[in-house]
C-alpha atoms as a PDB file:
ATOM      1  CA  MET A   1      16.802 -21.647  11.291  1.00  0.00           C
ATOM      2  CA  THR A   2      16.015 -24.057   8.441  1.00  0.00           C
ATOM      3  CA  TYR A   3      17.926 -23.211   5.309  1.00  0.00           C
ATOM      4  CA  PRO A   4      16.092 -23.420   1.973  1.00  0.00           C
ATOM      5  CA  ASP A   5      16.951 -26.073  -0.603  1.00  0.00           C
ATOM      6  CA  CYS A   6      18.468 -24.392  -3.653  1.00  0.00           C
ATOM      7  CA  ASN A   7      20.082 -27.499  -5.122  1.00  0.00           C
ATOM      8  CA  ASN A   8      18.609 -26.795  -8.560  1.00  0.00           C
ATOM      9  CA  ILE A   9      20.453 -23.456  -8.768  1.00  0.00           C
ATOM     10  CA  SER A  10      24.060 -23.425  -9.978  1.00  0.00           C
ATOM     11  CA  VAL A  11      26.504 -20.559  -9.583  1.00  0.00           C
ATOM     12  CA  VAL A  12      28.681 -20.522 -12.703  1.00  0.00           C
ATOM     13  CA  LEU A  13      32.034 -18.701 -12.795  1.00  0.00           C
ATOM     14  CA  THR A  14      33.532 -18.275 -16.250  1.00  0.00           C
ATOM     15  CA  HIS A  15      37.254 -17.934 -17.024  1.00  0.00           C
ATOM     16  CA  THR A  16      38.166 -16.936 -13.468  1.00  0.00           C
ATOM     17  CA  SER A  17      41.773 -15.714 -13.444  1.00  0.00           C
ATOM     18  CA  HIS A  18      42.423 -15.591  -9.685  1.00  0.00           C
ATOM     19  CA  PRO A  19      41.792 -18.841  -7.777  1.00  0.00           C
ATOM     20  CA  GLY A  20      41.192 -16.882  -4.593  1.00  0.00           C
ATOM     21  CA  ASN A  21      37.957 -15.585  -6.099  1.00  0.00           C
ATOM     22  CA  ILE A  22      36.794 -19.151  -6.660  1.00  0.00           C
ATOM     23  CA  GLY A  23      37.392 -19.998  -3.004  1.00  0.00           C
ATOM     24  CA  ALA A  24      35.777 -16.792  -1.736  1.00  0.00           C
ATOM     25  CA  SER A  25      32.762 -17.370  -3.999  1.00  0.00           C
ATOM     26  CA  ALA A  26      32.376 -20.903  -2.642  1.00  0.00           C
ATOM     27  CA  ARG A  27      32.427 -19.511   0.884  1.00  0.00           C
ATOM     28  CA  ALA A  28      29.774 -16.917   0.001  1.00  0.00           C
ATOM     29  CA  MET A  29      27.613 -19.623  -1.552  1.00  0.00           C
ATOM     30  CA  LYS A  30      27.801 -21.867   1.493  1.00  0.00           C
ATOM     31  CA  ASN A  31      27.010 -18.928   3.792  1.00  0.00           C
ATOM     32  CA  MET A  32      23.786 -18.463   1.827  1.00  0.00           C
ATOM     33  CA  GLY A  33      22.761 -22.101   1.456  1.00  0.00           C
ATOM     34  CA  LEU A  34      23.858 -22.787  -2.125  1.00  0.00           C
ATOM     35  CA  SER A  35      26.000 -25.770  -3.017  1.00  0.00           C
ATOM     36  CA  ARG A  36      26.228 -26.203  -6.822  1.00  0.00           C
ATOM     37  CA  LEU A  37      29.372 -24.535  -8.186  1.00  0.00           C
ATOM     38  CA  ALA A  38      30.335 -24.775 -11.864  1.00  0.00           C
ATOM     39  CA  LEU A  39      33.564 -23.422 -13.359  1.00  0.00           C
ATOM     40  CA  VAL A  40      34.167 -22.629 -17.022  1.00  0.00           C
ATOM     41  CA  SER A  41      37.834 -22.805 -18.069  1.00  0.00           C
ATOM     42  CA  PRO A  42      39.328 -21.449 -14.819  1.00  0.00           C
ATOM     43  CA  LYS A  43      42.942 -20.306 -15.194  1.00  0.00           C
ATOM     44  CA  GLU A  44      44.045 -22.265 -12.106  1.00  0.00           C
ATOM     45  CA  PHE A  45      41.998 -25.023 -10.516  1.00  0.00           C
ATOM     46  CA  PRO A  46      42.392 -27.024  -8.302  1.00  0.00           C
ATOM     47  CA  SER A  47      44.343 -24.532  -6.252  1.00  0.00           C
ATOM     48  CA  GLY A  48      45.662 -24.239  -2.718  1.00  0.00           C
ATOM     49  CA  VAL A  49      44.820 -20.530  -2.831  1.00  0.00           C
ATOM     50  CA  ALA A  50      41.190 -21.366  -3.577  1.00  0.00           C
ATOM     51  CA  VAL A  51      41.125 -23.857  -0.712  1.00  0.00           C
ATOM     52  CA  GLY A  52      42.555 -21.258   1.679  1.00  0.00           C
ATOM     53  CA  ARG A  53      39.969 -18.638   0.717  1.00  0.00           C
ATOM     54  CA  ALA A  54      37.095 -21.137   0.874  1.00  0.00           C
ATOM     55  CA  ALA A  55      37.582 -21.729   4.631  1.00  0.00           C
ATOM     56  CA  SER A  56      34.902 -24.284   5.604  1.00  0.00           C
ATOM     57  CA  ALA A  57      33.404 -24.445   2.098  1.00  0.00           C
ATOM     58  CA  VAL A  58      36.072 -26.752   0.667  1.00  0.00           C
ATOM     59  CA  ASP A  59      33.370 -29.362   0.013  1.00  0.00           C
ATOM     60  CA  LEU A  60      31.900 -27.057  -2.655  1.00  0.00           C
ATOM     61  CA  LEU A  61      35.291 -26.932  -4.384  1.00  0.00           C
ATOM     62  CA  ASP A  62      35.607 -30.722  -4.202  1.00  0.00           C
ATOM     63  CA  GLN A  63      32.178 -31.119  -5.836  1.00  0.00           C
ATOM     64  CA  ALA A  64      32.590 -28.317  -8.389  1.00  0.00           C
ATOM     65  CA  GLN A  65      32.086 -29.241 -12.035  1.00  0.00           C
ATOM     66  CA  VAL A  66      34.528 -27.874 -14.622  1.00  0.00           C
ATOM     67  CA  PHE A  67      33.432 -27.209 -18.215  1.00  0.00           C
ATOM     68  CA  GLY A  68      35.145 -26.087 -21.365  1.00  0.00           C
ATOM     69  CA  SER A  69      32.471 -23.553 -22.329  1.00  0.00           C
ATOM     70  CA  LEU A  70      29.472 -21.767 -20.878  1.00  0.00           C
ATOM     71  CA  LYS A  71      27.270 -23.504 -23.451  1.00  0.00           C
ATOM     72  CA  GLU A  72      28.230 -26.855 -21.875  1.00  0.00           C
ATOM     73  CA  ALA A  73      27.802 -25.554 -18.327  1.00  0.00           C
ATOM     74  CA  VAL A  74      24.187 -24.434 -18.877  1.00  0.00           C
ATOM     75  CA  ALA A  75      23.150 -27.194 -21.295  1.00  0.00           C
ATOM     76  CA  ASP A  76      20.683 -28.742 -18.803  1.00  0.00           C
ATOM     77  CA  CYS A  77      19.285 -25.429 -17.507  1.00  0.00           C
ATOM     78  CA  GLY A  78      15.815 -24.094 -18.259  1.00  0.00           C
ATOM     79  CA  LEU A  79      16.678 -20.640 -16.891  1.00  0.00           C
ATOM     80  CA  VAL A  80      20.001 -18.814 -17.216  1.00  0.00           C
ATOM     81  CA  ILE A  81      20.665 -15.344 -15.767  1.00  0.00           C
ATOM     82  CA  GLY A  82      23.943 -13.561 -16.424  1.00  0.00           C
ATOM     83  CA  ALA A  83      25.437 -10.880 -14.194  1.00  0.00           C
ATOM     84  CA  SER A  84      26.451  -7.853 -16.278  1.00  0.00           C
ATOM     85  CA  ALA A  85      27.860  -4.629 -14.904  1.00  0.00           C
ATOM     86  CA  ARG A  86      27.399  -2.687 -18.139  1.00  0.00           C
ATOM     87  CA  SER A  87      24.768  -2.235 -20.804  1.00  0.00           C
ATOM     88  CA  ARG A  88      25.300  -3.789 -24.215  1.00  0.00           C
ATOM     89  CA  ARG A  89      24.593  -2.565 -27.720  1.00  0.00           C
ATOM     90  CA  ILE A  90      21.656  -4.940 -27.991  1.00  0.00           C
ATOM     91  CA  THR A  91      19.907  -4.709 -24.627  1.00  0.00           C
ATOM     92  CA  TRP A  92      18.588  -7.882 -23.011  1.00  0.00           C
ATOM     93  CA  PRO A  93      15.718  -8.171 -20.488  1.00  0.00           C
ATOM     94  CA  LEU A  94      17.196  -6.753 -17.291  1.00  0.00           C
ATOM     95  CA  LEU A  95      16.411  -7.742 -13.695  1.00  0.00           C
ATOM     96  CA  SER A  96      17.261  -6.178 -10.352  1.00  0.00           C
ATOM     97  CA  PRO A  97      18.983  -8.444  -7.804  1.00  0.00           C
ATOM     98  CA  VAL A  98      15.667  -8.905  -5.945  1.00  0.00           C
ATOM     99  CA  GLU A  99      13.767  -9.766  -9.147  1.00  0.00           C
ATOM    100  CA  CYS A 100      16.569 -12.115 -10.194  1.00  0.00           C
ATOM    101  CA  ALA A 101      16.467 -13.960  -6.873  1.00  0.00           C
ATOM    102  CA  ARG A 102      12.688 -14.339  -6.850  1.00  0.00           C
ATOM    103  CA  LEU A 103      12.653 -15.694 -10.396  1.00  0.00           C
ATOM    104  CA  LEU A 104      15.469 -18.168  -9.704  1.00  0.00           C
ATOM    105  CA  VAL A 105      13.771 -19.468  -6.570  1.00  0.00           C
ATOM    106  CA  ARG A 106      10.418 -19.847  -8.364  1.00  0.00           C
ATOM    107  CA  GLU A 107      11.952 -21.647 -11.337  1.00  0.00           C
ATOM    108  CA  SER A 108      14.221 -23.936  -9.325  1.00  0.00           C
ATOM    109  CA  GLY A 109      11.223 -25.945  -8.161  1.00  0.00           C
ATOM    110  CA  ARG A 110      10.732 -27.352 -11.678  1.00  0.00           C
ATOM    111  CA  ASN A 111      13.824 -26.470 -13.751  1.00  0.00           C
ATOM    112  CA  ARG A 112      17.547 -26.394 -13.302  1.00  0.00           C
ATOM    113  CA  ALA A 113      18.712 -22.781 -13.219  1.00  0.00           C
ATOM    114  CA  ALA A 114      22.066 -21.004 -13.439  1.00  0.00           C
ATOM    115  CA  LEU A 115      23.386 -17.673 -12.201  1.00  0.00           C
ATOM    116  CA  VAL A 116      26.434 -16.797 -14.310  1.00  0.00           C
ATOM    117  CA  PHE A 117      29.379 -14.518 -13.508  1.00  0.00           C
ATOM    118  CA  GLY A 118      32.114 -13.464 -15.927  1.00  0.00           C
ATOM    119  CA  ARG A 119      35.793 -12.629 -15.912  1.00  0.00           C
ATOM    120  CA  GLU A 120      37.218 -10.364 -13.245  1.00  0.00           C
ATOM    121  CA  ASP A 121      38.375  -7.740 -15.761  1.00  0.00           C
ATOM    122  CA  THR A 122      35.886  -7.858 -18.644  1.00  0.00           C
ATOM    123  CA  GLY A 123      32.875  -9.800 -17.328  1.00  0.00           C
ATOM    124  CA  LEU A 124      30.843 -11.962 -19.700  1.00  0.00           C
ATOM    125  CA  SER A 125      31.383 -11.699 -23.448  1.00  0.00           C
ATOM    126  CA  ASN A 126      28.488 -10.722 -25.702  1.00  0.00           C
ATOM    127  CA  GLU A 127      28.299 -14.303 -26.964  1.00  0.00           C
ATOM    128  CA  GLU A 128      28.067 -15.628 -23.401  1.00  0.00           C
ATOM    129  CA  LEU A 129      25.419 -13.099 -22.421  1.00  0.00           C
ATOM    130  CA  GLN A 130      23.345 -14.213 -25.408  1.00  0.00           C
ATOM    131  CA  LEU A 131      23.131 -17.668 -23.803  1.00  0.00           C
ATOM    132  CA  CYS A 132      21.205 -16.053 -20.920  1.00  0.00           C
ATOM    133  CA  HIS A 133      17.471 -15.436 -20.749  1.00  0.00           C
ATOM    134  CA  TYR A 134      17.946 -12.367 -18.546  1.00  0.00           C
ATOM    135  CA  HIS A 135      20.725 -10.111 -17.301  1.00  0.00           C
ATOM    136  CA  VAL A 136      21.035  -8.850 -13.737  1.00  0.00           C
ATOM    137  CA  GLN A 137      22.862  -5.713 -12.629  1.00  0.00           C
ATOM    138  CA  ILE A 138      23.846  -4.834  -9.084  1.00  0.00           C
ATOM    139  CA  PRO A 139      23.196  -1.108  -8.527  1.00  0.00           C
ATOM    140  CA  ALA A 140      26.371   0.517  -7.257  1.00  0.00           C
ATOM    141  CA  ASN A 141      28.115   3.874  -7.039  1.00  0.00           C
ATOM    142  CA  PRO A 142      28.107   5.144 -10.666  1.00  0.00           C
ATOM    143  CA  ASP A 143      31.555   6.651 -10.093  1.00  0.00           C
ATOM    144  CA  TYR A 144      32.921   3.229  -9.120  1.00  0.00           C
ATOM    145  CA  PRO A 145      30.477   0.481 -10.142  1.00  0.00           C
ATOM    146  CA  SER A 146      32.969  -2.387 -10.495  1.00  0.00           C
ATOM    147  CA  LEU A 147      32.564  -5.074  -7.809  1.00  0.00           C
ATOM    148  CA  ASN A 148      35.062  -7.773  -6.944  1.00  0.00           C
ATOM    149  CA  LEU A 149      33.843 -11.096  -8.368  1.00  0.00           C
ATOM    150  CA  ALA A 150      33.366 -12.762  -4.984  1.00  0.00           C
ATOM    151  CA  ALA A 151      31.609  -9.666  -3.646  1.00  0.00           C
ATOM    152  CA  ALA A 152      29.143  -9.775  -6.558  1.00  0.00           C
ATOM    153  CA  VAL A 153      28.547 -13.472  -5.887  1.00  0.00           C
ATOM    154  CA  MET A 154      27.849 -12.704  -2.225  1.00  0.00           C
ATOM    155  CA  VAL A 155      25.348  -9.924  -3.046  1.00  0.00           C
ATOM    156  CA  LEU A 156      23.283 -12.088  -5.386  1.00  0.00           C
ATOM    157  CA  CYS A 157      23.540 -15.211  -3.215  1.00  0.00           C
ATOM    158  CA  TYR A 158      22.282 -13.155  -0.272  1.00  0.00           C
ATOM    159  CA  GLU A 159      19.271 -12.043  -2.314  1.00  0.00           C
ATOM    160  CA  LEU A 160      18.677 -15.666  -3.320  1.00  0.00           C
ATOM    161  CA  HIS A 161      18.778 -16.729   0.307  1.00  0.00           C
ATOM    162  CA  GLN A 162      16.330 -14.002   1.306  1.00  0.00           C
ATOM    163  CA  ALA A 163      13.953 -14.933  -1.517  1.00  0.00           C
ATOM    164  CA  ALA A 164      14.097 -18.618  -0.579  1.00  0.00           C
ATOM    165  CA  LEU A 165      13.357 -17.862   3.083  1.00  0.00           C
ATOM    166  CA  ALA A 166      10.451 -15.534   2.292  1.00  0.00           C
ATOM    167  CA  PRO A 167       6.941 -17.000   2.464  1.00  0.00           C
ATOM    168  CA  ASP A 168       5.250 -17.572  -0.855  1.00  0.00           C
ATOM    169  CA  ASN A 169       3.354 -14.570  -2.162  1.00  0.00           C
ATOM    170  CA  PRO A 170       0.524 -15.839  -4.397  1.00  0.00           C
ATOM    171  CA  GLU A 171       0.504 -12.561  -6.329  1.00  0.00           C
ATOM    172  CA  GLU A 172       4.143 -13.071  -7.322  1.00  0.00           C
ATOM    173  CA  LEU A 173       4.038 -16.760  -8.200  1.00  0.00           C
ATOM    174  CA  GLU A 174       3.530 -17.686 -11.807  1.00  0.00           C
ATOM    175  CA  ARG A 175       0.803 -20.198 -12.575  1.00  0.00           C
ATOM    176  CA  ASP A 176       2.208 -23.716 -12.829  1.00  0.00           C
ATOM    177  CA  TRP A 177       3.174 -24.402 -16.430  1.00  0.00           C
ATOM    178  CA  ASP A 178       2.089 -27.631 -18.096  1.00  0.00           C
ATOM    179  CA  GLN A 179       5.505 -28.351 -19.606  1.00  0.00           C
ATOM    180  CA  PRO A 180       9.095 -27.959 -18.404  1.00  0.00           C
ATOM    181  CA  MET A 181      11.166 -25.241 -20.034  1.00  0.00           C
ATOM    182  CA  ALA A 182      13.505 -26.151 -22.879  1.00  0.00           C
ATOM    183  CA  THR A 183      17.081 -26.631 -21.687  1.00  0.00           C
ATOM    184  CA  GLY A 184      20.078 -24.641 -22.819  1.00  0.00           C
ATOM    185  CA  ALA A 185      21.156 -27.498 -25.084  1.00  0.00           C
ATOM    186  CA  ASP A 186      17.673 -27.640 -26.682  1.00  0.00           C
ATOM    187  CA  VAL A 187      17.729 -23.901 -27.295  1.00  0.00           C
ATOM    188  CA  GLU A 188      21.179 -23.990 -28.899  1.00  0.00           C
ATOM    189  CA  ARG A 189      20.123 -26.777 -31.278  1.00  0.00           C
ATOM    190  CA  PHE A 190      17.031 -24.751 -32.180  1.00  0.00           C
ATOM    191  CA  HIS A 191      19.037 -21.614 -32.989  1.00  0.00           C
ATOM    192  CA  GLU A 192      21.483 -23.616 -35.102  1.00  0.00           C
ATOM    193  CA  HIS A 193      18.537 -25.207 -36.939  1.00  0.00           C
ATOM    194  CA  LEU A 194      16.777 -21.850 -37.404  1.00  0.00           C
ATOM    195  CA  GLU A 195      19.905 -20.187 -38.787  1.00  0.00           C
ATOM    196  CA  ARG A 196      20.404 -23.058 -41.224  1.00  0.00           C
ATOM    197  CA  VAL A 197      16.828 -22.654 -42.528  1.00  0.00           C
ATOM    198  CA  LEU A 198      17.036 -18.853 -42.745  1.00  0.00           C
ATOM    199  CA  ILE A 199      20.188 -19.203 -44.833  1.00  0.00           C
ATOM    200  CA  ALA A 200      18.498 -21.795 -47.052  1.00  0.00           C
ATOM    201  CA  VAL A 201      15.527 -19.497 -47.770  1.00  0.00           C
ATOM    202  CA  GLU A 202      17.962 -16.585 -48.347  1.00  0.00           C
ATOM    203  CA  PHE A 203      16.543 -14.506 -45.516  1.00  0.00           C
ATOM    204  CA  HIS A 204      19.845 -14.523 -43.601  1.00  0.00           C
ATOM    205  CA  ASP A 205      23.235 -13.851 -45.167  1.00  0.00           C
ATOM    206  CA  PRO A 206      25.995 -14.938 -42.739  1.00  0.00           C
ATOM    207  CA  ARG A 207      28.465 -12.726 -44.628  1.00  0.00           C
ATOM    208  CA  HIS A 208      26.350  -9.680 -43.682  1.00  0.00           C
ATOM    209  CA  PRO A 209      24.552 -10.807 -40.496  1.00  0.00           C
ATOM    210  CA  ARG A 210      23.259  -7.356 -39.402  1.00  0.00           C
ATOM    211  CA  GLN A 211      22.821  -8.711 -35.843  1.00  0.00           C
ATOM    212  CA  LEU A 212      19.844 -10.714 -37.080  1.00  0.00           C
ATOM    213  CA  MET A 213      20.542 -13.897 -35.146  1.00  0.00           C
ATOM    214  CA  GLN A 214      21.334 -11.998 -31.940  1.00  0.00           C
ATOM    215  CA  ARG A 215      17.979 -10.216 -32.108  1.00  0.00           C
ATOM    216  CA  ILE A 216      16.144 -13.459 -32.869  1.00  0.00           C
ATOM    217  CA  ARG A 217      17.920 -15.078 -29.910  1.00  0.00           C
ATOM    218  CA  ARG A 218      16.786 -12.223 -27.691  1.00  0.00           C
ATOM    219  CA  LEU A 219      13.208 -12.579 -28.944  1.00  0.00           C
ATOM    220  CA  PHE A 220      12.954 -16.291 -28.157  1.00  0.00           C
ATOM    221  CA  GLY A 221      14.829 -15.862 -24.875  1.00  0.00           C
ATOM    222  CA  ARG A 222      12.281 -13.288 -23.784  1.00  0.00           C
ATOM    223  CA  ILE A 223       9.433 -15.683 -24.594  1.00  0.00           C
ATOM    224  CA  ARG A 224      10.955 -18.698 -22.727  1.00  0.00           C
ATOM    225  CA  ILE A 225      10.118 -21.762 -24.860  1.00  0.00           C
ATOM    226  CA  ASP A 226       8.873 -24.951 -23.207  1.00  0.00           C
ATOM    227  CA  VAL A 227       9.702 -28.442 -24.494  1.00  0.00           C
ATOM    228  CA  MET A 228       6.416 -28.931 -26.366  1.00  0.00           C
ATOM    229  CA  GLU A 229       6.717 -25.549 -28.070  1.00  0.00           C
ATOM    230  CA  MET A 230      10.313 -26.414 -28.964  1.00  0.00           C
ATOM    231  CA  ASN A 231       9.179 -29.646 -30.627  1.00  0.00           C
ATOM    232  CA  ILE A 232       6.589 -27.699 -32.630  1.00  0.00           C
ATOM    233  CA  LEU A 233       9.139 -25.117 -33.788  1.00  0.00           C
ATOM    234  CA  ARG A 234      11.724 -27.751 -34.688  1.00  0.00           C
ATOM    235  CA  GLY A 235       9.057 -29.718 -36.579  1.00  0.00           C
ATOM    236  CA  MET A 236       8.123 -26.610 -38.565  1.00  0.00           C
ATOM    237  CA  LEU A 237      11.755 -25.998 -39.502  1.00  0.00           C
ATOM    238  CA  THR A 238      12.231 -29.633 -40.510  1.00  0.00           C
ATOM    239  CA  ASN A 239       9.200 -29.494 -42.813  1.00  0.00           C
ATOM    240  CA  ILE A 240      10.507 -26.300 -44.417  1.00  0.00           C
ATOM    241  CA  GLU A 241      13.789 -28.095 -45.107  1.00  0.00           C
ATOM    242  CA  ARG A 242      11.979 -31.078 -46.570  1.00  0.00           C
ATOM    243  CA  LYS A 243       9.933 -28.842 -48.874  1.00  0.00           C
ATOM    244  CA  LEU A 244      13.090 -27.070 -50.012  1.00  0.00           C
ATOM    245  CA  ASP A 245      14.585 -30.474 -50.844  1.00  0.00           C
ATOM    246  CA  GLY A 246      11.463 -31.487 -52.757  1.00  0.00           C
ATOM    247  CA  LYS A 247      10.470 -34.123 -50.199  1.00  0.00           C
ATOM    248  CA  PRO A 248       7.000 -34.653 -48.696  1.00  0.00           C
ATOM    249  CA  ALA A 249       6.398 -33.059 -45.313  1.00  0.00           C
ATOM    250  CA  SER A 250       6.359 -35.254 -42.226  1.00  0.00           C
ATOM    251  CA  ARG A 251       4.121 -34.548 -39.246  1.00  0.00           C
ATOM    252  CA  ASN A 252       5.445 -33.722 -35.779  1.00  0.00           C
ATOM    253  CA  LYS A 253       9.001 -34.753 -36.545  1.00  0.00           C
ATOM    254  CA  ALA A 254      11.644 -32.465 -35.048  1.00  0.00           C
ATOM    255  CA  ARG A 255      15.179 -32.925 -36.287  1.00  0.00           C
ATOM    256  CA  LYS A 256      17.740 -33.521 -33.561  1.00  0.00           C
END
């Protein structure tokens, strides 16, 4: 059997407390043809326990990238999907494991993508989930829905593997887009810029935020901004700032 190339898809584990889960996740990834492992502030890594649980997937541990924050880990990604076992106060677009896998496989042909897993005890924080375009939930026994971290990684990696092996279905494929998607770093700069402008025009009061920025983040995440659209939006915000400062507007200039 020829295994599909999923090198543009990263599995990201955030704040993992038990190194054995890192090793077991690496093993699950290699079983299913994935090789890009990213770790955000693991409690213990490198670790002999992780190596022991990884079995023949030690090469994934050797190549794993370690980051200080999830924002850094997904900075170059055009699609980020976070695994969440529970609903949040502000709901995000939700995918099933099959839908998640199909979308990741489609996107990985033209964008870097990340599948993100949280802490063993509390999962991803609300702030981390807001860095994701979509959330994915694994349906489980409602009386005991909590999966071990490595088990959750295996379930979603299996679905990824199945989606990558499946023949293309023209009805499911999105039409090729004319621009790449904006990366995580681009999106974060945009939201920082937007918040700065909304404060300047007195639409947003950071002392009484009323979940405004979270809802705006959800709105733009649902749309999925490409790089050209991002330049247009940033240029608009820059011109608003210039007008507020009494300066002439400049055309097509996005502030970095």
